[in-house]
Protein backbone atom coordinates (compact mmCIF):
# COMPACT_ATOMS: atom_id res chain seq x y z
CA MET A 1 -5.36 -43.07 10.22
CA GLY A 2 -5.34 -40.56 7.39
CA ILE A 3 -5.59 -36.95 8.53
CA THR A 4 -6.32 -34.12 6.12
CA ILE A 5 -5.42 -30.64 7.28
CA ARG A 6 -7.56 -27.93 5.69
CA ASN A 7 -6.60 -24.27 5.61
CA THR A 8 -9.09 -21.64 6.72
CA TYR A 9 -6.57 -18.86 6.13
CA GLY A 10 -3.35 -18.70 4.15
CA THR A 11 -1.95 -20.84 1.36
CA PRO A 12 -2.33 -24.65 1.35
CA HIS A 13 1.04 -26.43 1.34
CA ASN A 14 2.31 -29.77 0.10
CA VAL A 15 3.10 -32.23 2.88
CA SER A 16 4.74 -35.60 3.36
CA GLN A 17 2.50 -38.55 2.47
CA THR A 18 3.22 -40.11 5.86
CA ASN A 19 3.30 -37.02 8.07
CA PRO A 20 0.90 -34.11 7.44
CA ALA A 21 2.84 -31.99 9.94
CA HIS A 22 5.89 -32.06 7.65
CA VAL A 23 5.58 -29.43 4.92
CA THR A 24 7.68 -30.22 1.85
CA SER A 25 6.92 -27.34 -0.52
CA CYS A 26 4.42 -24.76 -1.67
CA ASP A 27 3.04 -23.99 -5.13
CA ARG A 28 3.18 -20.23 -4.62
CA TYR A 29 5.88 -18.10 -3.03
CA ARG A 30 6.68 -14.47 -2.58
CA LEU A 31 10.21 -13.21 -3.22
CA PRO A 32 10.99 -10.63 -0.53
CA LEU A 33 14.76 -10.45 -0.99
CA VAL A 34 17.44 -10.56 -3.64
CA GLY A 35 21.13 -10.28 -2.95
CA PHE A 36 24.64 -10.90 -4.16
CA ILE A 37 27.69 -12.47 -2.56
CA THR A 38 31.24 -12.36 -3.87
CA PRO A 39 34.59 -13.50 -2.47
CA GLU A 40 34.91 -10.00 -0.96
CA ASN A 41 31.95 -10.63 1.35
CA PRO A 42 32.90 -11.25 5.00
CA GLY A 43 32.46 -14.94 5.69
CA TYR A 44 32.13 -15.82 2.00
CA GLU A 45 33.89 -19.17 2.33
CA ASP A 46 31.53 -20.19 5.10
CA MET A 47 28.53 -18.98 3.11
CA VAL A 48 29.31 -21.11 0.05
CA GLU A 49 30.06 -24.21 2.12
CA ILE A 50 26.49 -25.35 1.48
CA LEU A 51 27.28 -25.35 -2.25
CA LYS A 52 30.66 -27.02 -1.92
CA GLY A 53 29.20 -29.92 0.00
CA ASN A 54 26.91 -30.69 -2.93
CA GLY A 55 29.33 -29.95 -5.76
CA HIS A 56 27.47 -26.76 -6.72
CA ASP A 57 30.18 -24.17 -6.03
CA THR A 58 30.80 -23.48 -9.72
CA ARG A 59 30.93 -19.66 -9.90
CA PRO A 60 34.25 -18.26 -8.62
CA GLU A 61 33.01 -14.70 -9.20
CA GLY A 62 30.15 -15.15 -6.72
CA TYR A 63 26.40 -15.63 -6.79
CA GLY A 64 23.16 -13.84 -7.27
CA LEU A 65 20.59 -14.86 -4.68
CA ILE A 66 16.80 -14.92 -4.67
CA PHE A 67 15.07 -15.71 -1.39
CA LEU A 68 11.61 -17.26 -1.59
CA GLU A 69 9.12 -17.73 1.22
CA SER A 70 5.58 -18.84 1.91
CA GLU A 71 3.73 -19.01 5.20
CA GLU A 72 5.26 -22.39 6.09
CA PHE A 73 8.22 -22.89 3.78
CA SER A 74 11.20 -21.09 2.31
CA ALA A 75 13.86 -21.64 -0.33
CA THR A 76 17.02 -19.99 -1.65
CA TYR A 77 18.04 -19.76 -5.30
CA PHE A 78 21.73 -19.50 -6.22
CA GLY A 79 22.31 -18.26 -9.76
CA SER A 80 24.68 -16.02 -11.66
CA ILE A 81 25.09 -12.42 -10.60
CA GLU A 82 24.10 -11.33 -14.12
CA GLN A 83 20.85 -13.34 -14.07
CA VAL A 84 19.73 -12.00 -10.71
CA GLN A 85 20.64 -8.42 -11.66
CA GLN A 86 18.48 -8.80 -14.77
CA TYR A 87 15.63 -10.25 -12.70
CA GLN A 88 15.93 -7.36 -10.24
CA GLN A 89 15.75 -4.78 -13.03
CA GLU A 90 12.79 -6.47 -14.71
CA ASN A 91 11.00 -6.82 -11.40
CA GLN A 92 11.31 -3.11 -10.72
CA ALA A 93 10.16 -2.26 -14.25
CA THR A 94 7.09 -4.52 -14.06
CA GLY A 95 6.01 -3.65 -10.53
CA GLY A 96 7.04 -6.98 -9.04
CA LYS A 97 5.75 -9.26 -11.80
CA ALA A 98 9.06 -10.55 -13.19
CA THR A 99 9.89 -14.26 -13.20
CA PHE A 100 13.20 -16.10 -13.32
CA ASP A 101 14.40 -19.38 -14.80
CA ALA A 102 15.31 -21.58 -11.83
CA SER A 103 16.90 -24.18 -14.11
CA ARG A 104 19.86 -21.83 -14.65
CA GLY A 105 21.01 -22.22 -11.04
CA VAL A 106 20.35 -24.35 -7.97
CA MET A 107 17.56 -24.17 -5.42
CA TYR A 108 17.91 -25.12 -1.76
CA ALA A 109 15.10 -25.60 0.72
CA ARG A 110 15.03 -22.96 3.48
CA TRP A 111 17.14 -19.84 3.90
CA PRO A 112 20.76 -20.47 4.91
CA HIS A 113 21.95 -19.73 8.41
CA GLY A 114 25.21 -19.88 10.29
CA LYS A 115 28.52 -18.10 9.79
CA GLY A 116 28.25 -15.25 7.33
CA TRP A 117 24.55 -15.76 6.69
CA ASP A 118 23.33 -14.64 10.10
CA ASP A 119 24.93 -11.22 9.59
CA TYR A 120 23.99 -11.02 5.91
CA LEU A 121 20.26 -11.75 6.04
CA PRO A 122 17.91 -9.12 7.48
CA ARG A 123 15.01 -10.00 9.74
CA VAL A 124 11.95 -10.51 7.55
CA PHE A 125 8.40 -10.77 8.90
CA TRP A 126 5.46 -12.32 7.08
CA ASN A 127 3.26 -9.37 8.05
CA GLN A 128 4.85 -6.10 7.00
CA ALA A 129 3.56 -2.56 7.44
CA GLN A 130 4.61 -1.69 3.87
CA LEU A 131 2.30 -4.46 2.63
CA GLY A 132 -0.67 -3.29 4.68
CA ALA A 133 -0.14 -5.00 8.05
CA VAL A 134 -0.90 -3.07 11.24
CA ALA A 135 2.82 -3.31 12.10
CA ASP A 136 5.88 -5.29 11.12
CA GLY A 137 5.57 -8.72 12.69
CA ALA A 138 1.91 -8.36 13.73
CA GLY A 139 -0.77 -10.35 11.91
CA LEU A 140 -2.10 -13.76 11.02
CA VAL A 141 0.17 -16.17 9.17
CA THR A 142 -2.03 -19.20 8.50
CA ALA A 143 -4.87 -21.15 10.09
CA PHE A 144 -6.29 -24.67 10.00
CA ALA A 145 -9.78 -26.03 10.59
CA HIS A 146 -10.06 -28.15 13.73
CA THR A 147 -10.91 -31.73 12.82
CA GLU A 148 -12.91 -32.46 15.99
CA VAL A 149 -14.67 -29.21 16.88
CA PRO A 150 -16.77 -27.60 14.14
CA GLY A 151 -15.92 -23.94 13.69
CA ALA A 152 -12.75 -24.10 15.78
CA GLU A 153 -9.36 -23.25 14.30
CA ILE A 154 -5.67 -23.51 15.06
CA ILE A 155 -4.27 -20.11 14.13
CA VAL A 156 -0.61 -19.21 13.59
CA PHE A 157 0.09 -15.53 14.20
CA GLU A 158 2.87 -12.99 14.61
CA PHE A 159 2.56 -10.60 17.53
CA GLU A 160 4.38 -8.32 19.93
CA GLY A 161 4.81 -9.71 23.41
CA ALA A 162 7.05 -10.01 26.44
CA TRP A 163 8.66 -13.20 27.68
CA THR A 164 7.91 -12.20 31.26
CA ALA A 165 5.16 -9.97 32.60
CA GLY A 166 6.23 -6.36 32.18
CA GLY A 167 9.40 -7.35 30.33
CA GLU A 168 10.96 -6.05 27.14
CA THR A 169 8.85 -6.19 23.97
CA HIS A 170 9.82 -8.85 21.42
CA LYS A 171 8.58 -9.86 17.99
CA LEU A 172 7.13 -13.34 18.54
CA VAL A 173 5.21 -16.04 16.68
CA THR A 174 3.04 -18.86 18.01
CA TYR A 175 -0.26 -20.64 17.43
CA HIS A 176 -3.58 -20.75 19.23
CA CYS A 177 -6.31 -23.39 19.30
CA THR A 178 -9.83 -22.00 19.71
CA ALA A 179 -11.09 -25.40 20.88
CA CYS A 180 -8.92 -25.72 24.00
CA HIS A 181 -7.67 -22.11 24.38
CA MET A 182 -4.30 -23.26 25.69
CA ASP A 183 -1.97 -20.29 26.17
CA THR A 184 1.28 -21.42 24.54
CA PHE A 185 3.28 -19.24 26.94
CA HIS A 186 2.48 -21.94 29.50
CA ASP A 187 3.88 -24.72 27.28
CA CYS A 188 7.66 -24.53 26.97
CA GLY A 189 8.95 -24.17 23.42
CA HIS A 190 5.65 -23.21 21.79
CA VAL A 191 6.38 -19.49 21.45
CA GLN A 192 9.20 -18.55 19.08
CA GLU A 193 11.30 -15.43 18.68
CA ASN A 194 10.19 -14.31 15.22
CA THR A 195 13.49 -14.13 13.36
CA GLY A 196 12.41 -15.23 9.88
CA PRO A 197 10.78 -17.99 7.82
CA ASP A 198 12.14 -20.81 9.99
CA SER A 199 10.43 -19.40 13.09
CA ARG A 200 7.06 -19.29 11.34
CA ARG A 201 7.61 -22.71 9.82
CA TRP A 202 8.24 -24.16 13.28
CA ALA A 203 5.17 -22.48 14.79
CA ALA A 204 3.01 -23.81 11.95
CA ARG A 205 4.48 -27.28 12.39
CA GLN A 206 3.53 -27.21 16.07
CA ALA A 207 0.03 -26.08 15.11
CA ARG A 208 -0.25 -29.02 12.73
CA GLN A 209 1.01 -31.41 15.42
CA HIS A 210 -1.62 -30.06 17.84
CA LEU A 211 -4.31 -30.73 15.25
CA ILE A 212 -3.03 -34.23 14.50
CA SER A 213 -2.96 -35.06 18.21
CA ALA A 214 -6.59 -33.98 18.57
CA ALA A 215 -7.58 -36.07 15.56
CA ARG A 216 -5.83 -39.15 16.93
CA HIS A 217 -6.71 -38.92 20.60
CA GLY A 218 -9.79 -36.70 20.70
CA ILE A 219 -10.47 -33.69 22.88
CA GLY A 220 -9.55 -33.86 26.55
CA ASP A 221 -7.82 -37.24 26.48
CA LYS A 222 -4.68 -37.42 28.62
CA ASN A 223 -2.68 -38.27 25.49
CA SER A 224 -4.12 -35.40 23.48
CA ALA A 225 -2.43 -32.03 23.11
CA CYS A 226 -5.91 -30.50 22.88
CA ARG A 227 -7.17 -30.54 26.47
CA PRO A 228 -9.61 -27.79 27.48
CA ASP A 229 -9.32 -26.76 31.11
CA ASN A 230 -13.08 -26.08 31.20
CA GLY A 231 -12.53 -23.05 33.42
CA GLU A 232 -11.27 -25.10 36.36
CA MET A 233 -8.30 -22.86 37.13
CA LEU A 234 -10.39 -19.72 36.67
CA ARG A 235 -12.93 -20.96 39.19
CA VAL A 236 -10.14 -21.65 41.68
CA VAL A 237 -8.71 -18.15 41.23
CA ASN A 238 -12.16 -16.58 41.55
CA ALA A 239 -12.88 -18.54 44.73
CA VAL A 240 -9.60 -17.43 46.29
CA ALA A 241 -10.24 -13.82 45.25
CA ARG A 242 -13.75 -13.83 46.74
CA ASP A 243 -12.37 -15.19 49.99
CA MET A 244 -9.50 -12.69 50.14
CA TRP A 245 -11.58 -9.65 49.24
CA ASN A 246 -14.82 -10.77 50.90
CA THR A 247 -16.81 -10.21 47.69
CA THR A 248 -19.49 -12.17 45.87
CA GLY A 249 -18.56 -11.39 42.25
CA ASN A 250 -15.90 -13.00 40.09
CA ALA A 251 -12.57 -11.26 39.55
CA LEU A 252 -12.12 -13.04 36.21
CA PRO A 253 -14.42 -14.55 33.58
CA ASP A 254 -15.25 -18.09 34.66
CA THR A 255 -14.95 -19.83 31.28
CA ASP A 256 -11.83 -20.34 29.18
CA ASP A 257 -13.32 -18.87 26.01
CA ALA A 258 -14.53 -15.73 27.82
CA TYR A 259 -11.17 -15.23 29.53
CA CYS A 260 -9.27 -15.83 26.29
CA ALA A 261 -11.49 -13.37 24.41
CA THR A 262 -10.71 -10.57 26.86
CA LYS A 263 -7.25 -11.30 28.27
CA GLY A 264 -5.74 -14.16 26.24
CA PRO A 265 -4.58 -14.98 22.71
CA CYS A 266 -8.10 -14.68 21.27
CA SER A 267 -8.05 -10.99 22.20
CA ILE A 268 -4.90 -10.52 20.11
CA ILE A 269 -6.27 -12.47 17.16
CA ARG A 270 -9.54 -10.52 17.22
CA GLU A 271 -7.65 -7.23 16.98
CA LEU A 272 -5.38 -8.49 14.22
CA ARG A 273 -8.36 -9.68 12.19
CA ALA A 274 -9.97 -6.27 12.63
CA GLY A 275 -6.84 -4.52 11.35
CA VAL A 276 -6.00 -3.03 14.74
CA ARG A 277 -2.58 -3.20 16.39
CA PRO A 278 -3.07 -5.08 19.67
CA PRO A 279 -1.42 -4.07 22.93
CA VAL A 280 1.85 -5.82 23.69
CA TYR A 281 0.91 -9.20 25.16
CA ARG A 282 1.98 -9.66 28.79
CA ALA A 283 3.39 -6.12 28.89
């Protein structure tokens, strides 16, 4: 069964021919970071291990680095210090319009991590206040059209939230399906600490998997990830509340979409789309 995933927001990406959840590259990147490492850097030997393993550790003086990222992918360029210094100077002179010749070095998929790298690389968000976002780490990343429900989307977004009600605020990233309105906080492993491109890549991959599951199994099937609750739990809570408080009205909206629009992920997404910084989720 061939499944085509169509973007409603963000940049379309290239995917595996056999698995549309597996992003392999992007035709357009932004370059948020450049850097340099030399043998004097703490952890240098660990940092260049990635190059040694592939026979690419050919510059004893060190390397110039250019870090590339898109909404769902990232890459790291290792070149000469001189080349990257020249790129940096030209980029400043042209207001960010400089290019570089990737054939003069080597390119690796993703940003490195591990010894040396974890201390070297800063935390970079897709949505940044200096680029017009309402706050660092708060905004939409990408979105896909639902294959089974016209007008519905699966939206990947960065936000500020707490792991537990009333807990400490964290920079997080997750996805939300406007067909089933599942709150990913209730599904273990579907909310990520937003530490960089890999976090957003993983959240987008889960969004793609959700969409593929809906396309294969339909909406509401026991094997489908897209299973609307149809307000069942809300009706239970409202019934208990009416009994406890001896009232006739509902304490909560009695449909999933209404609840989500006022108290759930849809309320966050609505604010982000309007250019407003939402309250911390679950604060």
